Amino acid sequence: ARDPDEIGLIPLGKSKLVSARDFYDQLCRDAEHERKLKKRNQLSGLHKYLTLLQDQHDFPCLSDQDRYVISLPPLTNSERTKV
C-alpha cells in the first residue's frame, strides 16, 4: 500500500496518467451523480467498492519490477497491461 498521491497510473480505458487520489475522487463524484440521476439510496456497480477505500491513508496497488502500477484494487487495472 502506498500514499494515493504518489501512485500514478493510466486507468483501464483511459489515456492520461492520473494519481490514485484524483482517480478515486473522480469515481466518487461520478458515483454520486449516478446515484442522484437514478434516485437510488445505494451505489451500484464499481461504485459500491469505493467505500472500501474511504478514510484510508494508503491505497493498495500492484506494481511491476519497473514500479509501473498495474492494478489499483478494487478500483481498476492499468491500461498499460491490458490484454
C-alpha atoms as a PDB file:
ATOM      1  CA  ALA A   1       0.000   0.000   0.000  1.00  0.00           C
ATOM      2  CA  ARG A   2       1.185   3.486  -0.845  1.00  0.00           C
ATOM      3  CA  ASP A   3       0.126   7.101  -0.489  1.00  0.00           C
ATOM      4  CA  PRO A   4      -2.564   7.653  -3.174  1.00  0.00           C
ATOM      5  CA  ASP A   5      -0.987  10.981  -4.150  1.00  0.00           C
ATOM      6  CA  GLU A   6       2.216   9.121  -5.044  1.00  0.00           C
ATOM      7  CA  ILE A   7       0.528   6.393  -7.104  1.00  0.00           C
ATOM      8  CA  GLY A   8       0.327   7.262 -10.791  1.00  0.00           C
ATOM      9  CA  LEU A   9      -1.497   5.092 -13.295  1.00  0.00           C
ATOM     10  CA  ILE A  10      -3.340   5.118 -16.579  1.00  0.00           C
ATOM     11  CA  PRO A  11      -6.700   3.551 -15.670  1.00  0.00           C
ATOM     12  CA  LEU A  12      -8.156   0.896 -17.948  1.00  0.00           C
ATOM     13  CA  GLY A  13      -9.986   2.534 -20.838  1.00  0.00           C
ATOM     14  CA  LYS A  14      -8.299   5.923 -20.297  1.00  0.00           C
ATOM     15  CA  SER A  15      -5.321   7.588 -21.954  1.00  0.00           C
ATOM     16  CA  LYS A  16      -3.996  10.011 -19.335  1.00  0.00           C
ATOM     17  CA  LEU A  17      -1.823   9.419 -16.300  1.00  0.00           C
ATOM     18  CA  VAL A  18      -3.614  10.334 -13.050  1.00  0.00           C
ATOM     19  CA  SER A  19      -2.886   9.975  -9.374  1.00  0.00           C
ATOM     20  CA  ALA A  20      -4.812   7.327  -7.464  1.00  0.00           C
ATOM     21  CA  ARG A  21      -6.303  10.104  -5.302  1.00  0.00           C
ATOM     22  CA  ASP A  22      -7.586  12.035  -8.336  1.00  0.00           C
ATOM     23  CA  PHE A  23      -8.983   8.847  -9.887  1.00  0.00           C
ATOM     24  CA  TYR A  24     -10.730   7.886  -6.638  1.00  0.00           C
ATOM     25  CA  ASP A  25     -12.145  11.405  -6.184  1.00  0.00           C
ATOM     26  CA  GLN A  26     -13.491  11.399  -9.752  1.00  0.00           C
ATOM     27  CA  LEU A  27     -15.109   7.988  -9.236  1.00  0.00           C
ATOM     28  CA  CYS A  28     -16.757   9.301  -6.060  1.00  0.00           C
ATOM     29  CA  ARG A  29     -18.162  12.307  -7.939  1.00  0.00           C
ATOM     30  CA  ASP A  30     -19.377  10.048 -10.780  1.00  0.00           C
ATOM     31  CA  ALA A  31     -20.991   7.657  -8.295  1.00  0.00           C
ATOM     32  CA  GLU A  32     -22.847  10.442  -6.508  1.00  0.00           C
ATOM     33  CA  HIS A  33     -24.033  11.891  -9.811  1.00  0.00           C
ATOM     34  CA  GLU A  34     -25.279   8.473 -10.988  1.00  0.00           C
ATOM     35  CA  ARG A  35     -26.977   7.810  -7.654  1.00  0.00           C
ATOM     36  CA  LYS A  36     -28.868  11.106  -7.879  1.00  0.00           C
ATOM     37  CA  LEU A  37     -29.833  10.540 -11.524  1.00  0.00           C
ATOM     38  CA  LYS A  38     -31.250   7.105 -10.769  1.00  0.00           C
ATOM     39  CA  LYS A  39     -32.784   8.310  -7.492  1.00  0.00           C
ATOM     40  CA  ARG A  40     -31.244   5.485  -5.503  1.00  0.00           C
ATOM     41  CA  ASN A  41     -30.056   5.316  -1.928  1.00  0.00           C
ATOM     42  CA  GLN A  42     -27.240   2.876  -2.638  1.00  0.00           C
ATOM     43  CA  LEU A  43     -24.403   2.819  -5.124  1.00  0.00           C
ATOM     44  CA  SER A  44     -24.183   0.153  -7.811  1.00  0.00           C
ATOM     45  CA  GLY A  45     -21.522  -1.495  -9.944  1.00  0.00           C
ATOM     46  CA  LEU A  46     -17.932  -0.493  -9.321  1.00  0.00           C
ATOM     47  CA  HIS A  47     -19.080   2.417  -7.191  1.00  0.00           C
ATOM     48  CA  LYS A  48     -20.151   0.140  -4.343  1.00  0.00           C
ATOM     49  CA  TYR A  49     -16.461  -0.667  -3.761  1.00  0.00           C
ATOM     50  CA  LEU A  50     -15.460   2.955  -3.188  1.00  0.00           C
ATOM     51  CA  THR A  51     -16.322   2.654   0.496  1.00  0.00           C
ATOM     52  CA  LEU A  52     -13.509   0.113   0.915  1.00  0.00           C
ATOM     53  CA  LEU A  53     -11.001   2.927   0.413  1.00  0.00           C
ATOM     54  CA  GLN A  54     -12.910   5.599   2.283  1.00  0.00           C
ATOM     55  CA  ASP A  55     -10.809   7.097   5.103  1.00  0.00           C
ATOM     56  CA  GLN A  56      -7.744   5.048   4.097  1.00  0.00           C
ATOM     57  CA  HIS A  57      -4.378   6.801   4.258  1.00  0.00           C
ATOM     58  CA  ASP A  58      -2.744   4.331   1.859  1.00  0.00           C
ATOM     59  CA  PHE A  59      -4.263   2.572  -1.160  1.00  0.00           C
ATOM     60  CA  PRO A  60      -3.350  -0.981  -2.191  1.00  0.00           C
ATOM     61  CA  CYS A  61      -1.643  -1.272  -5.552  1.00  0.00           C
ATOM     62  CA  LEU A  62       0.299  -3.808  -7.582  1.00  0.00           C
ATOM     63  CA  SER A  63       3.424  -2.691  -9.432  1.00  0.00           C
ATOM     64  CA  ASP A  64       5.763  -4.406 -11.857  1.00  0.00           C
ATOM     65  CA  GLN A  65       9.543  -4.535 -11.406  1.00  0.00           C
ATOM     66  CA  ASP A  66       9.857  -1.094 -13.031  1.00  0.00           C
ATOM     67  CA  ARG A  67       7.351   0.290 -10.476  1.00  0.00           C
ATOM     68  CA  TYR A  68       4.631   0.837 -13.075  1.00  0.00           C
ATOM     69  CA  VAL A  69       1.267   0.414 -11.380  1.00  0.00           C
ATOM     70  CA  ILE A  70      -0.579  -2.487 -12.993  1.00  0.00           C
ATOM     71  CA  SER A  71      -3.581  -2.637 -10.657  1.00  0.00           C
ATOM     72  CA  LEU A  72      -5.333  -0.440  -8.123  1.00  0.00           C
ATOM     73  CA  PRO A  73      -7.711  -2.857  -6.429  1.00  0.00           C
ATOM     74  CA  PRO A  74     -10.648  -2.672  -6.014  1.00  0.00           C
ATOM     75  CA  LEU A  75     -10.936   0.231  -8.470  1.00  0.00           C
ATOM     76  CA  THR A  76      -9.217  -0.597 -11.749  1.00  0.00           C
ATOM     77  CA  ASN A  77      -6.418  -2.253 -13.636  1.00  0.00           C
ATOM     78  CA  SER A  78      -3.936  -0.399 -15.801  1.00  0.00           C
ATOM     79  CA  GLU A  79      -4.376   0.405 -19.476  1.00  0.00           C
ATOM     80  CA  ARG A  80      -0.655  -0.363 -19.828  1.00  0.00           C
ATOM     81  CA  THR A  81      -1.110  -4.064 -19.008  1.00  0.00           C
ATOM     82  CA  LYS A  82      -4.443  -4.845 -20.631  1.00  0.00           C
ATOM     83  CA  VAL A  83      -4.583  -7.935 -22.798  1.00  0.00           C
END
